[in-house]
Protein backbone atom coordinates (compact mmCIF):
# COMPACT_ATOMS: atom_id res chain seq x y z
CA UNK A 1 0.00 0.00 0.00
CA UNK A 2 2.77 2.43 0.93
CA UNK A 3 4.61 1.66 -2.33
CA UNK A 4 1.54 2.74 -4.34
CA UNK A 5 0.89 -0.69 -5.86
CA UNK A 6 -2.60 -0.90 -7.33
CA UNK A 7 -4.46 -4.20 -6.91
CA UNK A 8 -6.10 -5.93 -9.83
CA UNK A 9 -9.25 -6.26 -7.72
CA UNK A 10 -9.45 -4.13 -4.58
CA UNK A 11 -10.47 -5.78 -1.32
CA UNK A 12 -12.02 -4.52 1.88
CA UNK A 13 -8.49 -4.12 3.23
CA UNK A 14 -7.53 -1.70 0.46
CA UNK A 15 -10.51 0.40 1.50
CA UNK A 16 -9.64 0.22 5.19
CA UNK A 17 -5.96 0.96 4.72
CA UNK A 18 -6.36 3.45 1.89
CA UNK A 19 -8.85 5.74 3.62
CA UNK A 20 -8.01 9.26 4.66
CA UNK A 21 -6.04 8.92 7.94
CA UNK A 22 -7.38 12.30 9.10
CA UNK A 23 -10.88 10.79 9.30
CA UNK A 24 -9.90 7.99 11.68
CA UNK A 25 -6.88 6.04 12.90
CA UNK A 26 -5.32 3.63 10.43
CA UNK A 27 -6.24 0.12 11.59
CA UNK A 28 -3.58 -1.98 13.23
CA UNK A 29 -2.46 -5.33 11.83
CA UNK A 30 -4.29 -7.12 14.67
CA UNK A 31 -7.55 -5.38 13.69
CA UNK A 32 -7.14 -6.36 10.03
CA UNK A 33 -6.33 -9.94 11.04
CA UNK A 34 -9.47 -10.08 13.17
CA UNK A 35 -11.57 -8.70 10.32
CA UNK A 36 -10.14 -11.31 7.95
CA UNK A 37 -10.99 -14.16 10.32
CA UNK A 38 -14.49 -12.79 10.91
CA UNK A 39 -15.16 -12.52 7.17
CA UNK A 40 -13.80 -15.98 6.46
CA UNK A 41 -15.66 -17.76 9.22
CA UNK A 42 -18.93 -15.92 8.67
CA UNK A 43 -18.93 -16.72 4.98
CA UNK A 44 -17.55 -20.25 5.28
CA UNK A 45 -20.41 -21.76 7.23
CA UNK A 46 -23.44 -20.35 5.44
CA UNK A 47 -21.97 -20.32 1.95
CA UNK A 48 -20.28 -23.67 2.47
CA UNK A 49 -23.55 -25.30 3.48
CA UNK A 50 -25.41 -23.75 0.54
CA UNK A 51 -22.75 -24.77 -1.97
CA UNK A 52 -22.53 -28.27 -0.47
CA UNK A 53 -26.26 -28.70 -1.02
CA UNK A 54 -25.95 -27.24 -4.54
CA UNK A 55 -23.13 -29.68 -5.35
CA UNK A 56 -25.24 -32.56 -4.05
CA UNK A 57 -28.09 -31.52 -6.32
CA UNK A 58 -25.79 -31.20 -9.32
CA UNK A 59 -24.33 -34.69 -8.94
CA UNK A 60 -27.68 -36.34 -8.18
CA UNK A 61 -29.45 -34.83 -11.22
CA UNK A 62 -27.80 -36.15 -14.39
CA UNK A 63 -29.38 -33.50 -16.64
CA UNK A 64 -27.99 -30.63 -14.53
CA UNK A 65 -24.60 -32.33 -14.21
CA UNK A 66 -24.37 -32.95 -17.96
CA UNK A 67 -25.31 -29.39 -18.93
CA UNK A 68 -22.92 -27.87 -16.39
CA UNK A 69 -20.09 -30.21 -17.41
CA UNK A 70 -20.61 -29.38 -21.10
CA UNK A 71 -20.51 -25.63 -20.38
CA UNK A 72 -17.33 -25.99 -18.33
CA UNK A 73 -15.54 -28.12 -20.95
CA UNK A 74 -16.47 -25.71 -23.74
CA UNK A 75 -15.23 -22.74 -21.71
CA UNK A 76 -12.09 -24.47 -20.42
CA UNK A 77 -10.98 -27.19 -22.86
CA UNK A 78 -7.55 -27.31 -21.19
CA UNK A 79 -8.55 -28.16 -17.63
CA UNK A 80 -4.92 -28.10 -16.48
CA UNK A 81 -4.90 -24.27 -16.55
CA UNK A 82 -6.18 -22.12 -13.72
CA UNK A 83 -9.75 -20.91 -13.98
CA UNK A 84 -10.08 -17.23 -13.13
CA UNK A 85 -13.11 -16.05 -11.19
CA UNK A 86 -13.79 -13.39 -13.84
CA UNK A 87 -13.98 -16.12 -16.50
CA UNK A 88 -16.17 -18.39 -14.38
CA UNK A 89 -18.69 -15.65 -13.66
CA UNK A 90 -19.26 -15.27 -17.42
CA UNK A 91 -20.72 -18.79 -17.66
CA UNK A 92 -24.52 -18.45 -17.57
CA UNK A 93 -25.44 -21.98 -16.48
CA UNK A 94 -22.79 -22.10 -13.76
CA UNK A 95 -23.97 -18.70 -12.53
CA UNK A 96 -27.54 -20.01 -12.44
CA UNK A 97 -26.51 -23.11 -10.50
CA UNK A 98 -24.62 -21.01 -7.95
CA UNK A 99 -27.44 -18.48 -7.56
CA UNK A 100 -30.02 -21.23 -7.20
CA UNK A 101 -27.82 -22.93 -4.62
CA UNK A 102 -27.55 -19.70 -2.63
CA UNK A 103 -31.28 -19.07 -2.91
PDB file of N, CA and C in Angstrom:
ATOM      1  N   UNK A   1       0.831  -1.185   0.000  1.00  0.00           N
ATOM      2  CA  UNK A   1       0.000   0.000   0.000  1.00  0.00           C
ATOM      3  C   UNK A   1       0.877   1.252   0.000  1.00  0.00           C
ATOM      4  N   UNK A   2       1.904   1.249   0.855  1.00  0.00           N
ATOM      5  CA  UNK A   2       2.766   2.430   0.927  1.00  0.00           C
ATOM      6  C   UNK A   2       3.556   2.639  -0.354  1.00  0.00           C
ATOM      7  N   UNK A   3       3.834   1.552  -1.096  1.00  0.00           N
ATOM      8  CA  UNK A   3       4.612   1.664  -2.329  1.00  0.00           C
ATOM      9  C   UNK A   3       3.745   2.146  -3.492  1.00  0.00           C
ATOM     10  N   UNK A   4       2.432   2.258  -3.288  1.00  0.00           N
ATOM     11  CA  UNK A   4       1.544   2.739  -4.336  1.00  0.00           C
ATOM     12  C   UNK A   4       1.091   1.666  -5.310  1.00  0.00           C
ATOM     13  N   UNK A   5       1.316   0.402  -4.976  1.00  0.00           N
ATOM     14  CA  UNK A   5       0.890  -0.692  -5.859  1.00  0.00           C
ATOM     15  C   UNK A   5      -0.631  -0.721  -5.928  1.00  0.00           C
ATOM     16  N   UNK A   6      -1.156  -0.842  -7.136  1.00  0.00           N
ATOM     17  CA  UNK A   6      -2.601  -0.902  -7.330  1.00  0.00           C
ATOM     18  C   UNK A   6      -3.036  -2.346  -7.525  1.00  0.00           C
ATOM     19  N   UNK A   7      -4.010  -2.817  -6.765  1.00  0.00           N
ATOM     20  CA  UNK A   7      -4.458  -4.200  -6.906  1.00  0.00           C
ATOM     21  C   UNK A   7      -5.271  -4.384  -8.167  1.00  0.00           C
ATOM     22  N   UNK A   8      -5.268  -5.607  -8.671  1.00  0.00           N
ATOM     23  CA  UNK A   8      -6.099  -5.927  -9.827  1.00  0.00           C
ATOM     24  C   UNK A   8      -7.571  -5.819  -9.442  1.00  0.00           C
ATOM     25  N   UNK A   9      -7.890  -6.345  -8.264  1.00  0.00           N
ATOM     26  CA  UNK A   9      -9.250  -6.260  -7.724  1.00  0.00           C
ATOM     27  C   UNK A   9      -9.135  -5.808  -6.271  1.00  0.00           C
ATOM     28  N   UNK A  10      -9.579  -4.609  -5.954  1.00  0.00           N
ATOM     29  CA  UNK A  10      -9.452  -4.128  -4.577  1.00  0.00           C
ATOM     30  C   UNK A  10     -10.274  -4.971  -3.599  1.00  0.00           C
ATOM     31  N   UNK A  11      -9.788  -5.040  -2.374  1.00  0.00           N
ATOM     32  CA  UNK A  11     -10.473  -5.784  -1.319  1.00  0.00           C
ATOM     33  C   UNK A  11     -10.913  -4.809  -0.239  1.00  0.00           C
ATOM     34  N   UNK A  12     -11.592  -5.336   0.757  1.00  0.00           N
ATOM     35  CA  UNK A  12     -12.017  -4.515   1.884  1.00  0.00           C
ATOM     36  C   UNK A  12     -10.803  -3.904   2.591  1.00  0.00           C
ATOM     37  N   UNK A  13      -9.684  -4.613   2.548  1.00  0.00           N
ATOM     38  CA  UNK A  13      -8.485  -4.121   3.230  1.00  0.00           C
ATOM     39  C   UNK A  13      -7.875  -2.926   2.497  1.00  0.00           C
ATOM     40  N   UNK A  14      -8.003  -2.879   1.195  1.00  0.00           N
ATOM     41  CA  UNK A  14      -7.531  -1.705   0.462  1.00  0.00           C
ATOM     42  C   UNK A  14      -8.363  -0.485   0.857  1.00  0.00           C
ATOM     43  N   UNK A  15      -9.642  -0.700   1.077  1.00  0.00           N
ATOM     44  CA  UNK A  15     -10.507   0.399   1.504  1.00  0.00           C
ATOM     45  C   UNK A  15     -10.151   0.839   2.914  1.00  0.00           C
ATOM     46  N   UNK A  16      -9.980  -0.122   3.814  1.00  0.00           N
ATOM     47  CA  UNK A  16      -9.640   0.220   5.195  1.00  0.00           C
ATOM     48  C   UNK A  16      -8.297   0.933   5.296  1.00  0.00           C
ATOM     49  N   UNK A  17      -7.314   0.411   4.602  1.00  0.00           N
ATOM     50  CA  UNK A  17      -5.959   0.964   4.723  1.00  0.00           C
ATOM     51  C   UNK A  17      -5.731   2.175   3.835  1.00  0.00           C
ATOM     52  N   UNK A  18      -6.559   2.343   2.816  1.00  0.00           N
ATOM     53  CA  UNK A  18      -6.359   3.454   1.891  1.00  0.00           C
ATOM     54  C   UNK A  18      -7.209   4.664   2.194  1.00  0.00           C
ATOM     55  N   UNK A  19      -7.991   4.615   3.261  1.00  0.00           N
ATOM     56  CA  UNK A  19      -8.850   5.743   3.619  1.00  0.00           C
ATOM     57  C   UNK A  19      -8.024   6.902   4.141  1.00  0.00           C
ATOM     58  N   UNK A  20      -8.651   8.045   4.186  1.00  0.00           N
ATOM     59  CA  UNK A  20      -8.008   9.265   4.661  1.00  0.00           C
ATOM     60  C   UNK A  20      -7.689   9.135   6.154  1.00  0.00           C
ATOM     61  N   UNK A  21      -6.399   9.107   6.525  1.00  0.00           N
ATOM     62  CA  UNK A  21      -6.041   8.922   7.939  1.00  0.00           C
ATOM     63  C   UNK A  21      -6.526  10.055   8.835  1.00  0.00           C
ATOM     64  N   UNK A  22      -6.888  11.214   8.250  1.00  0.00           N
ATOM     65  CA  UNK A  22      -7.381  12.304   9.095  1.00  0.00           C
ATOM     66  C   UNK A  22      -8.806  12.040   9.569  1.00  0.00           C
ATOM     67  N   UNK A  23      -9.502  11.114   8.910  1.00  0.00           N
ATOM     68  CA  UNK A  23     -10.877  10.790   9.302  1.00  0.00           C
ATOM     69  C   UNK A  23     -10.914   9.856  10.504  1.00  0.00           C
ATOM     70  N   UNK A  24      -9.996   8.906  10.553  1.00  0.00           N
ATOM     71  CA  UNK A  24      -9.904   7.986  11.682  1.00  0.00           C
ATOM     72  C   UNK A  24      -8.524   7.351  11.675  1.00  0.00           C
ATOM     73  N   UNK A  25      -8.187   6.685  12.774  1.00  0.00           N
ATOM     74  CA  UNK A  25      -6.878   6.040  12.897  1.00  0.00           C
ATOM     75  C   UNK A  25      -6.757   4.892  11.901  1.00  0.00           C
ATOM     76  N   UNK A  26      -5.585   4.754  11.325  1.00  0.00           N
ATOM     77  CA  UNK A  26      -5.320   3.634  10.432  1.00  0.00           C
ATOM     78  C   UNK A  26      -5.373   2.356  11.256  1.00  0.00           C
ATOM     79  N   UNK A  27      -6.114   1.346  10.795  1.00  0.00           N
ATOM     80  CA  UNK A  27      -6.241   0.115  11.585  1.00  0.00           C
ATOM     81  C   UNK A  27      -4.908  -0.598  11.774  1.00  0.00           C
ATOM     82  N   UNK A  28      -4.765  -1.201  12.934  1.00  0.00           N
ATOM     83  CA  UNK A  28      -3.577  -1.984  13.233  1.00  0.00           C
ATOM     84  C   UNK A  28      -3.663  -3.341  12.546  1.00  0.00           C
ATOM     85  N   UNK A  29      -2.516  -4.001  12.438  1.00  0.00           N
ATOM     86  CA  UNK A  29      -2.462  -5.332  11.835  1.00  0.00           C
ATOM     87  C   UNK A  29      -3.390  -6.306  12.559  1.00  0.00           C
ATOM     88  N   UNK A  30      -3.442  -6.222  13.890  1.00  0.00           N
ATOM     89  CA  UNK A  30      -4.295  -7.119  14.669  1.00  0.00           C
ATOM     90  C   UNK A  30      -5.774  -6.909  14.306  1.00  0.00           C
ATOM     91  N   UNK A  31      -6.172  -5.668  14.079  1.00  0.00           N
ATOM     92  CA  UNK A  31      -7.548  -5.383  13.694  1.00  0.00           C
ATOM     93  C   UNK A  31      -7.853  -5.996  12.331  1.00  0.00           C
ATOM     94  N   UNK A  32      -6.949  -5.805  11.377  1.00  0.00           N
ATOM     95  CA  UNK A  32      -7.140  -6.357  10.026  1.00  0.00           C
ATOM     96  C   UNK A  32      -7.178  -7.883  10.061  1.00  0.00           C
ATOM     97  N   UNK A  33      -6.341  -8.476  10.900  1.00  0.00           N
ATOM     98  CA  UNK A  33      -6.333  -9.936  11.044  1.00  0.00           C
ATOM     99  C   UNK A  33      -7.674 -10.411  11.603  1.00  0.00           C
ATOM    100  N   UNK A  34      -8.175  -9.739  12.594  1.00  0.00           N
ATOM    101  CA  UNK A  34      -9.470 -10.083  13.173  1.00  0.00           C
ATOM    102  C   UNK A  34     -10.597  -9.949  12.157  1.00  0.00           C
ATOM    103  N   UNK A  35     -10.557  -8.892  11.365  1.00  0.00           N
ATOM    104  CA  UNK A  35     -11.574  -8.697  10.316  1.00  0.00           C
ATOM    105  C   UNK A  35     -11.511  -9.826   9.293  1.00  0.00           C
ATOM    106  N   UNK A  36     -10.300 -10.225   8.924  1.00  0.00           N
ATOM    107  CA  UNK A  36     -10.144 -11.315   7.949  1.00  0.00           C
ATOM    108  C   UNK A  36     -10.737 -12.610   8.483  1.00  0.00           C
ATOM    109  N   UNK A  37     -10.442 -12.941   9.726  1.00  0.00           N
ATOM    110  CA  UNK A  37     -10.995 -14.164  10.319  1.00  0.00           C
ATOM    111  C   UNK A  37     -12.515 -14.094  10.426  1.00  0.00           C
ATOM    112  N   UNK A  38     -13.036 -12.937  10.794  1.00  0.00           N
ATOM    113  CA  UNK A  38     -14.495 -12.785  10.908  1.00  0.00           C
ATOM    114  C   UNK A  38     -15.160 -12.970   9.551  1.00  0.00           C
ATOM    115  N   UNK A  39     -14.592 -12.378   8.514  1.00  0.00           N
ATOM    116  CA  UNK A  39     -15.164 -12.518   7.174  1.00  0.00           C
ATOM    117  C   UNK A  39     -15.096 -13.959   6.684  1.00  0.00           C
ATOM    118  N   UNK A  40     -13.965 -14.603   6.919  1.00  0.00           N
ATOM    119  CA  UNK A  40     -13.804 -15.983   6.459  1.00  0.00           C
ATOM    120  C   UNK A  40     -14.741 -16.944   7.178  1.00  0.00           C
ATOM    121  N   UNK A  41     -14.821 -16.821   8.488  1.00  0.00           N
ATOM    122  CA  UNK A  41     -15.660 -17.762   9.224  1.00  0.00           C
ATOM    123  C   UNK A  41     -17.134 -17.489   9.014  1.00  0.00           C
ATOM    124  N   UNK A  42     -17.524 -16.236   8.903  1.00  0.00           N
ATOM    125  CA  UNK A  42     -18.932 -15.915   8.674  1.00  0.00           C
ATOM    126  C   UNK A  42     -19.385 -16.444   7.315  1.00  0.00           C
ATOM    127  N   UNK A  43     -18.554 -16.287   6.322  1.00  0.00           N
ATOM    128  CA  UNK A  43     -18.926 -16.724   4.976  1.00  0.00           C
ATOM    129  C   UNK A  43     -18.775 -18.231   4.796  1.00  0.00           C
ATOM    130  N   UNK A  44     -17.838 -18.830   5.496  1.00  0.00           N
ATOM    131  CA  UNK A  44     -17.546 -20.248   5.277  1.00  0.00           C
ATOM    132  C   UNK A  44     -18.718 -21.139   5.657  1.00  0.00           C
ATOM    133  N   UNK A  45     -19.345 -20.874   6.763  1.00  0.00           N
ATOM    134  CA  UNK A  45     -20.407 -21.756   7.234  1.00  0.00           C
ATOM    135  C   UNK A  45     -21.651 -21.664   6.356  1.00  0.00           C
ATOM    136  N   UNK A  46     -22.188 -20.485   6.196  1.00  0.00           N
ATOM    137  CA  UNK A  46     -23.436 -20.345   5.441  1.00  0.00           C
ATOM    138  C   UNK A  46     -23.245 -20.656   3.963  1.00  0.00           C
ATOM    139  N   UNK A  47     -22.214 -20.083   3.372  1.00  0.00           N
ATOM    140  CA  UNK A  47     -21.971 -20.319   1.955  1.00  0.00           C
ATOM    141  C   UNK A  47     -21.544 -21.752   1.716  1.00  0.00           C
ATOM    142  N   UNK A  48     -20.722 -22.282   2.609  1.00  0.00           N
ATOM    143  CA  UNK A  48     -20.278 -23.669   2.470  1.00  0.00           C
ATOM    144  C   UNK A  48     -21.442 -24.647   2.501  1.00  0.00           C
ATOM    145  N   UNK A  49     -22.374 -24.432   3.419  1.00  0.00           N
ATOM    146  CA  UNK A  49     -23.552 -25.298   3.480  1.00  0.00           C
ATOM    147  C   UNK A  49     -24.389 -25.184   2.214  1.00  0.00           C
ATOM    148  N   UNK A  50     -24.609 -23.967   1.750  1.00  0.00           N
ATOM    149  CA  UNK A  50     -25.415 -23.753   0.545  1.00  0.00           C
ATOM    150  C   UNK A  50     -24.751 -24.391  -0.671  1.00  0.00           C
ATOM    151  N   UNK A  51     -23.442 -24.209  -0.805  1.00  0.00           N
ATOM    152  CA  UNK A  51     -22.752 -24.774  -1.969  1.00  0.00           C
ATOM    153  C   UNK A  51     -22.615 -26.289  -1.863  1.00  0.00           C
ATOM    154  N   UNK A  52     -22.533 -26.816  -0.651  1.00  0.00           N
ATOM    155  CA  UNK A  52     -22.535 -28.271  -0.474  1.00  0.00           C
ATOM    156  C   UNK A  52     -23.847 -28.880  -0.934  1.00  0.00           C
ATOM    157  N   UNK A  53     -24.946 -28.231  -0.583  1.00  0.00           N
ATOM    158  CA  UNK A  53     -26.259 -28.696  -1.022  1.00  0.00           C
ATOM    159  C   UNK A  53     -26.409 -28.543  -2.534  1.00  0.00           C
ATOM    160  N   UNK A  54     -25.898 -27.440  -3.084  1.00  0.00           N
ATOM    161  CA  UNK A  54     -25.954 -27.243  -4.536  1.00  0.00           C
ATOM    162  C   UNK A  54     -25.142 -28.323  -5.252  1.00  0.00           C
ATOM    163  N   UNK A  55     -23.950 -28.632  -4.741  1.00  0.00           N
ATOM    164  CA  UNK A  55     -23.126 -29.676  -5.351  1.00  0.00           C
ATOM    165  C   UNK A  55     -23.828 -31.026  -5.291  1.00  0.00           C
ATOM    166  N   UNK A  56     -24.476 -31.312  -4.171  1.00  0.00           N
ATOM    167  CA  UNK A  56     -25.237 -32.556  -4.049  1.00  0.00           C
ATOM    168  C   UNK A  56     -26.322 -32.629  -5.125  1.00  0.00           C
ATOM    169  N   UNK A  57     -27.034 -31.533  -5.312  1.00  0.00           N
ATOM    170  CA  UNK A  57     -28.095 -31.516  -6.319  1.00  0.00           C
ATOM    171  C   UNK A  57     -27.553 -31.638  -7.738  1.00  0.00           C
ATOM    172  N   UNK A  58     -26.395 -31.078  -7.988  1.00  0.00           N
ATOM    173  CA  UNK A  58     -25.793 -31.202  -9.323  1.00  0.00           C
ATOM    174  C   UNK A  58     -25.445 -32.660  -9.605  1.00  0.00           C
ATOM    175  N   UNK A  59     -24.780 -33.313  -8.676  1.00  0.00           N
ATOM    176  CA  UNK A  59     -24.327 -34.694  -8.938  1.00  0.00           C
ATOM    177  C   UNK A  59     -25.448 -35.724  -8.858  1.00  0.00           C
ATOM    178  N   UNK A  60     -26.573 -35.390  -8.243  1.00  0.00           N
ATOM    179  CA  UNK A  60     -27.678 -36.345  -8.181  1.00  0.00           C
ATOM    180  C   UNK A  60     -28.728 -36.122  -9.265  1.00  0.00           C
ATOM    181  N   UNK A  61     -28.551 -35.091 -10.094  1.00  0.00           N
ATOM    182  CA  UNK A  61     -29.451 -34.833 -11.222  1.00  0.00           C
ATOM    183  C   UNK A  61     -28.619 -34.864 -12.507  1.00  0.00           C
ATOM    184  N   UNK A  62     -28.648 -35.988 -13.216  1.00  0.00           N
ATOM    185  CA  UNK A  62     -27.799 -36.151 -14.394  1.00  0.00           C
ATOM    186  C   UNK A  62     -27.976 -35.069 -15.462  1.00  0.00           C
ATOM    187  N   UNK A  63     -29.166 -34.544 -15.631  1.00  0.00           N
ATOM    188  CA  UNK A  63     -29.381 -33.501 -16.636  1.00  0.00           C
ATOM    189  C   UNK A  63     -28.657 -32.207 -16.262  1.00  0.00           C
ATOM    190  N   UNK A  64     -28.701 -31.835 -14.995  1.00  0.00           N
ATOM    191  CA  UNK A  64     -27.995 -30.633 -14.526  1.00  0.00           C
ATOM    192  C   UNK A  64     -26.490 -30.854 -14.631  1.00  0.00           C
ATOM    193  N   UNK A  65     -26.025 -32.004 -14.172  1.00  0.00           N
ATOM    194  CA  UNK A  65     -24.598 -32.325 -14.214  1.00  0.00           C
ATOM    195  C   UNK A  65     -24.073 -32.276 -15.648  1.00  0.00           C
ATOM    196  N   UNK A  66     -24.809 -32.887 -16.567  1.00  0.00           N
ATOM    197  CA  UNK A  66     -24.375 -32.951 -17.962  1.00  0.00           C
ATOM    198  C   UNK A  66     -24.288 -31.562 -18.585  1.00  0.00           C
ATOM    199  N   UNK A  67     -25.311 -30.740 -18.351  1.00  0.00           N
ATOM    200  CA  UNK A  67     -25.313 -29.390 -18.933  1.00  0.00           C
ATOM    201  C   UNK A  67     -24.192 -28.534 -18.342  1.00  0.00           C
ATOM    202  N   UNK A  68     -23.983 -28.642 -17.040  1.00  0.00           N
ATOM    203  CA  UNK A  68     -22.918 -27.872 -16.391  1.00  0.00           C
ATOM    204  C   UNK A  68     -21.544 -28.343 -16.860  1.00  0.00           C
ATOM    205  N   UNK A  69     -21.365 -29.642 -16.958  1.00  0.00           N
ATOM    206  CA  UNK A  69     -20.088 -30.206 -17.411  1.00  0.00           C
ATOM    207  C   UNK A  69     -19.786 -29.761 -18.842  1.00  0.00           C
ATOM    208  N   UNK A  70     -20.788 -29.800 -19.711  1.00  0.00           N
ATOM    209  CA  UNK A  70     -20.607 -29.378 -21.099  1.00  0.00           C
ATOM    210  C   UNK A  70     -20.188 -27.916 -21.165  1.00  0.00           C
ATOM    211  N   UNK A  71     -20.849 -27.053 -20.389  1.00  0.00           N
ATOM    212  CA  UNK A  71     -20.507 -25.634 -20.385  1.00  0.00           C
ATOM    213  C   UNK A  71     -19.076 -25.419 -19.904  1.00  0.00           C
ATOM    214  N   UNK A  72     -18.677 -26.145 -18.868  1.00  0.00           N
ATOM    215  CA  UNK A  72     -17.325 -25.991 -18.331  1.00  0.00           C
ATOM    216  C   UNK A  72     -16.270 -26.471 -19.330  1.00  0.00           C
ATOM    217  N   UNK A  73     -16.506 -27.592 -19.983  1.00  0.00           N
ATOM    218  CA  UNK A  73     -15.538 -28.123 -20.949  1.00  0.00           C
ATOM    219  C   UNK A  73     -15.414 -27.199 -22.154  1.00  0.00           C
ATOM    220  N   UNK A  74     -16.530 -26.643 -22.614  1.00  0.00           N
ATOM    221  CA  UNK A  74     -16.470 -25.706 -23.742  1.00  0.00           C
ATOM    222  C   UNK A  74     -15.708 -24.441 -23.367  1.00  0.00           C
ATOM    223  N   UNK A  75     -15.901 -23.968 -22.148  1.00  0.00           N
ATOM    224  CA  UNK A  75     -15.232 -22.737 -21.708  1.00  0.00           C
ATOM    225  C   UNK A  75     -13.760 -22.964 -21.366  1.00  0.00           C
ATOM    226  N   UNK A  76     -13.444 -24.159 -20.867  1.00  0.00           N
ATOM    227  CA  UNK A  76     -12.086 -24.469 -20.425  1.00  0.00           C
ATOM    228  C   UNK A  76     -11.653 -25.824 -20.980  1.00  0.00           C
ATOM    229  N   UNK A  77     -11.365 -25.896 -22.278  1.00  0.00           N
ATOM    230  CA  UNK A  77     -10.978 -27.189 -22.857  1.00  0.00           C
ATOM    231  C   UNK A  77      -9.687 -27.752 -22.261  1.00  0.00           C
ATOM    232  N   UNK A  78      -8.790 -26.869 -21.827  1.00  0.00           N
ATOM    233  CA  UNK A  78      -7.549 -27.311 -21.191  1.00  0.00           C
ATOM    234  C   UNK A  78      -7.723 -27.178 -19.673  1.00  0.00           C
ATOM    235  N   UNK A  79      -8.231 -28.211 -19.057  1.00  0.00           N
ATOM    236  CA  UNK A  79      -8.553 -28.159 -17.632  1.00  0.00           C
ATOM    237  C   UNK A  79      -7.315 -28.070 -16.733  1.00  0.00           C
ATOM    238  N   UNK A  80      -6.125 -28.178 -17.308  1.00  0.00           N
ATOM    239  CA  UNK A  80      -4.922 -28.099 -16.478  1.00  0.00           C
ATOM    240  C   UNK A  80      -4.568 -26.653 -16.143  1.00  0.00           C
ATOM    241  N   UNK A  81      -5.174 -25.686 -16.827  1.00  0.00           N
ATOM    242  CA  UNK A  81      -4.897 -24.274 -16.548  1.00  0.00           C
ATOM    243  C   UNK A  81      -5.828 -23.763 -15.455  1.00  0.00           C
ATOM    244  N   UNK A  82      -5.366 -22.731 -14.768  1.00  0.00           N
ATOM    245  CA  UNK A  82      -6.180 -22.122 -13.718  1.00  0.00           C
ATOM    246  C   UNK A  82      -7.421 -21.468 -14.316  1.00  0.00           C
ATOM    247  N   UNK A  83      -8.518 -21.564 -13.581  1.00  0.00           N
ATOM    248  CA  UNK A  83      -9.754 -20.909 -13.981  1.00  0.00           C
ATOM    249  C   UNK A  83      -9.885 -19.639 -13.155  1.00  0.00           C
ATOM    250  N   UNK A  84      -9.959 -18.508 -13.829  1.00  0.00           N
ATOM    251  CA  UNK A  84     -10.081 -17.231 -13.131  1.00  0.00           C
ATOM    252  C   UNK A  84     -11.547 -16.971 -12.787  1.00  0.00           C
ATOM    253  N   UNK A  85     -11.761 -16.364 -11.635  1.00  0.00           N
ATOM    254  CA  UNK A  85     -13.114 -16.053 -11.192  1.00  0.00           C
ATOM    255  C   UNK A  85     -13.844 -15.216 -12.240  1.00  0.00           C
ATOM    256  N   UNK A  86     -13.144 -14.257 -12.840  1.00  0.00           N
ATOM    257  CA  UNK A  86     -13.785 -13.390 -13.836  1.00  0.00           C
ATOM    258  C   UNK A  86     -14.244 -14.180 -15.057  1.00  0.00           C
ATOM    259  N   UNK A  87     -13.547 -15.267 -15.391  1.00  0.00           N
ATOM    260  CA  UNK A  87     -13.978 -16.121 -16.502  1.00  0.00           C
ATOM    261  C   UNK A  87     -15.155 -17.003 -16.086  1.00  0.00           C
ATOM    262  N   UNK A  88     -15.100 -17.518 -14.874  1.00  0.00           N
ATOM    263  CA  UNK A  88     -16.173 -18.385 -14.385  1.00  0.00           C
ATOM    264  C   UNK A  88     -17.500 -17.643 -14.268  1.00  0.00           C
ATOM    265  N   UNK A  89     -17.440 -16.383 -13.845  1.00  0.00           N
ATOM    266  CA  UNK A  89     -18.691 -15.651 -13.656  1.00  0.00           C
ATOM    267  C   UNK A  89     -19.354 -15.271 -14.981  1.00  0.00           C
ATOM    268  N   UNK A  90     -18.678 -15.519 -16.092  1.00  0.00           N
ATOM    269  CA  UNK A  90     -19.263 -15.270 -17.417  1.00  0.00           C
ATOM    270  C   UNK A  90     -20.075 -16.464 -17.932  1.00  0.00           C
ATOM    271  N   UNK A  91     -20.016 -17.584 -17.227  1.00  0.00           N
ATOM    272  CA  UNK A  91     -20.724 -18.788 -17.656  1.00  0.00           C
ATOM    273  C   UNK A  91     -22.159 -18.746 -17.128  1.00  0.00           C
ATOM    274  N   UNK A  92     -23.145 -18.652 -18.021  1.00  0.00           N
ATOM    275  CA  UNK A  92     -24.522 -18.452 -17.566  1.00  0.00           C
ATOM    276  C   UNK A  92     -25.107 -19.624 -16.776  1.00  0.00           C
ATOM    277  N   UNK A  93     -24.849 -20.849 -17.191  1.00  0.00           N
ATOM    278  CA  UNK A  93     -25.445 -21.976 -16.483  1.00  0.00           C
ATOM    279  C   UNK A  93     -24.804 -22.154 -15.114  1.00  0.00           C
ATOM    280  N   UNK A  94     -23.485 -22.017 -15.051  1.00  0.00           N
ATOM    281  CA  UNK A  94     -22.789 -22.095 -13.764  1.00  0.00           C
ATOM    282  C   UNK A  94     -23.305 -21.007 -12.830  1.00  0.00           C
ATOM    283  N   UNK A  95     -23.455 -19.807 -13.340  1.00  0.00           N
ATOM    284  CA  UNK A  95     -23.970 -18.700 -12.534  1.00  0.00           C
ATOM    285  C   UNK A  95     -25.363 -19.028 -12.008  1.00  0.00           C
ATOM    286  N   UNK A  96     -26.196 -19.616 -12.865  1.00  0.00           N
ATOM    287  CA  UNK A  96     -27.537 -20.010 -12.439  1.00  0.00           C
ATOM    288  C   UNK A  96     -27.513 -21.076 -11.360  1.00  0.00           C
ATOM    289  N   UNK A  97     -26.626 -22.043 -11.501  1.00  0.00           N
ATOM    290  CA  UNK A  97     -26.506 -23.111 -10.499  1.00  0.00           C
ATOM    291  C   UNK A  97     -26.068 -22.521  -9.162  1.00  0.00           C
ATOM    292  N   UNK A  98     -25.101 -21.631  -9.182  1.00  0.00           N
ATOM    293  CA  UNK A  98     -24.616 -21.007  -7.947  1.00  0.00           C
ATOM    294  C   UNK A  98     -25.714 -20.164  -7.316  1.00  0.00           C
ATOM    295  N   UNK A  99     -26.378 -19.339  -8.121  1.00  0.00           N
ATOM    296  CA  UNK A  99     -27.436 -18.480  -7.564  1.00  0.00           C
ATOM    297  C   UNK A  99     -28.583 -19.309  -7.007  1.00  0.00           C
ATOM    298  N   UNK A 100     -28.954 -20.370  -7.698  1.00  0.00           N
ATOM    299  CA  UNK A 100     -30.023 -21.227  -7.202  1.00  0.00           C
ATOM    300  C   UNK A 100     -29.597 -21.913  -5.908  1.00  0.00           C
ATOM    301  N   UNK A 101     -28.328 -22.313  -5.837  1.00  0.00           N
ATOM    302  CA  UNK A 101     -27.822 -22.926  -4.617  1.00  0.00           C
ATOM    303  C   UNK A 101     -27.850 -21.969  -3.440  1.00  0.00           C
ATOM    304  N   UNK A 102     -27.539 -20.703  -3.695  1.00  0.00           N
ATOM    305  CA  UNK A 102     -27.548 -19.705  -2.631  1.00  0.00           C
ATOM    306  C   UNK A 102     -28.967 -19.309  -2.231  1.00  0.00           C
ATOM    307  N   UNK A 103     -29.886 -19.431  -3.186  1.00  0.00           N
ATOM    308  CA  UNK A 103     -31.281 -19.069  -2.908  1.00  0.00           C
ATOM    309  C   UNK A 103     -31.874 -20.084  -1.965  1.00  0.00           C
TER     310      UNK A 103
END
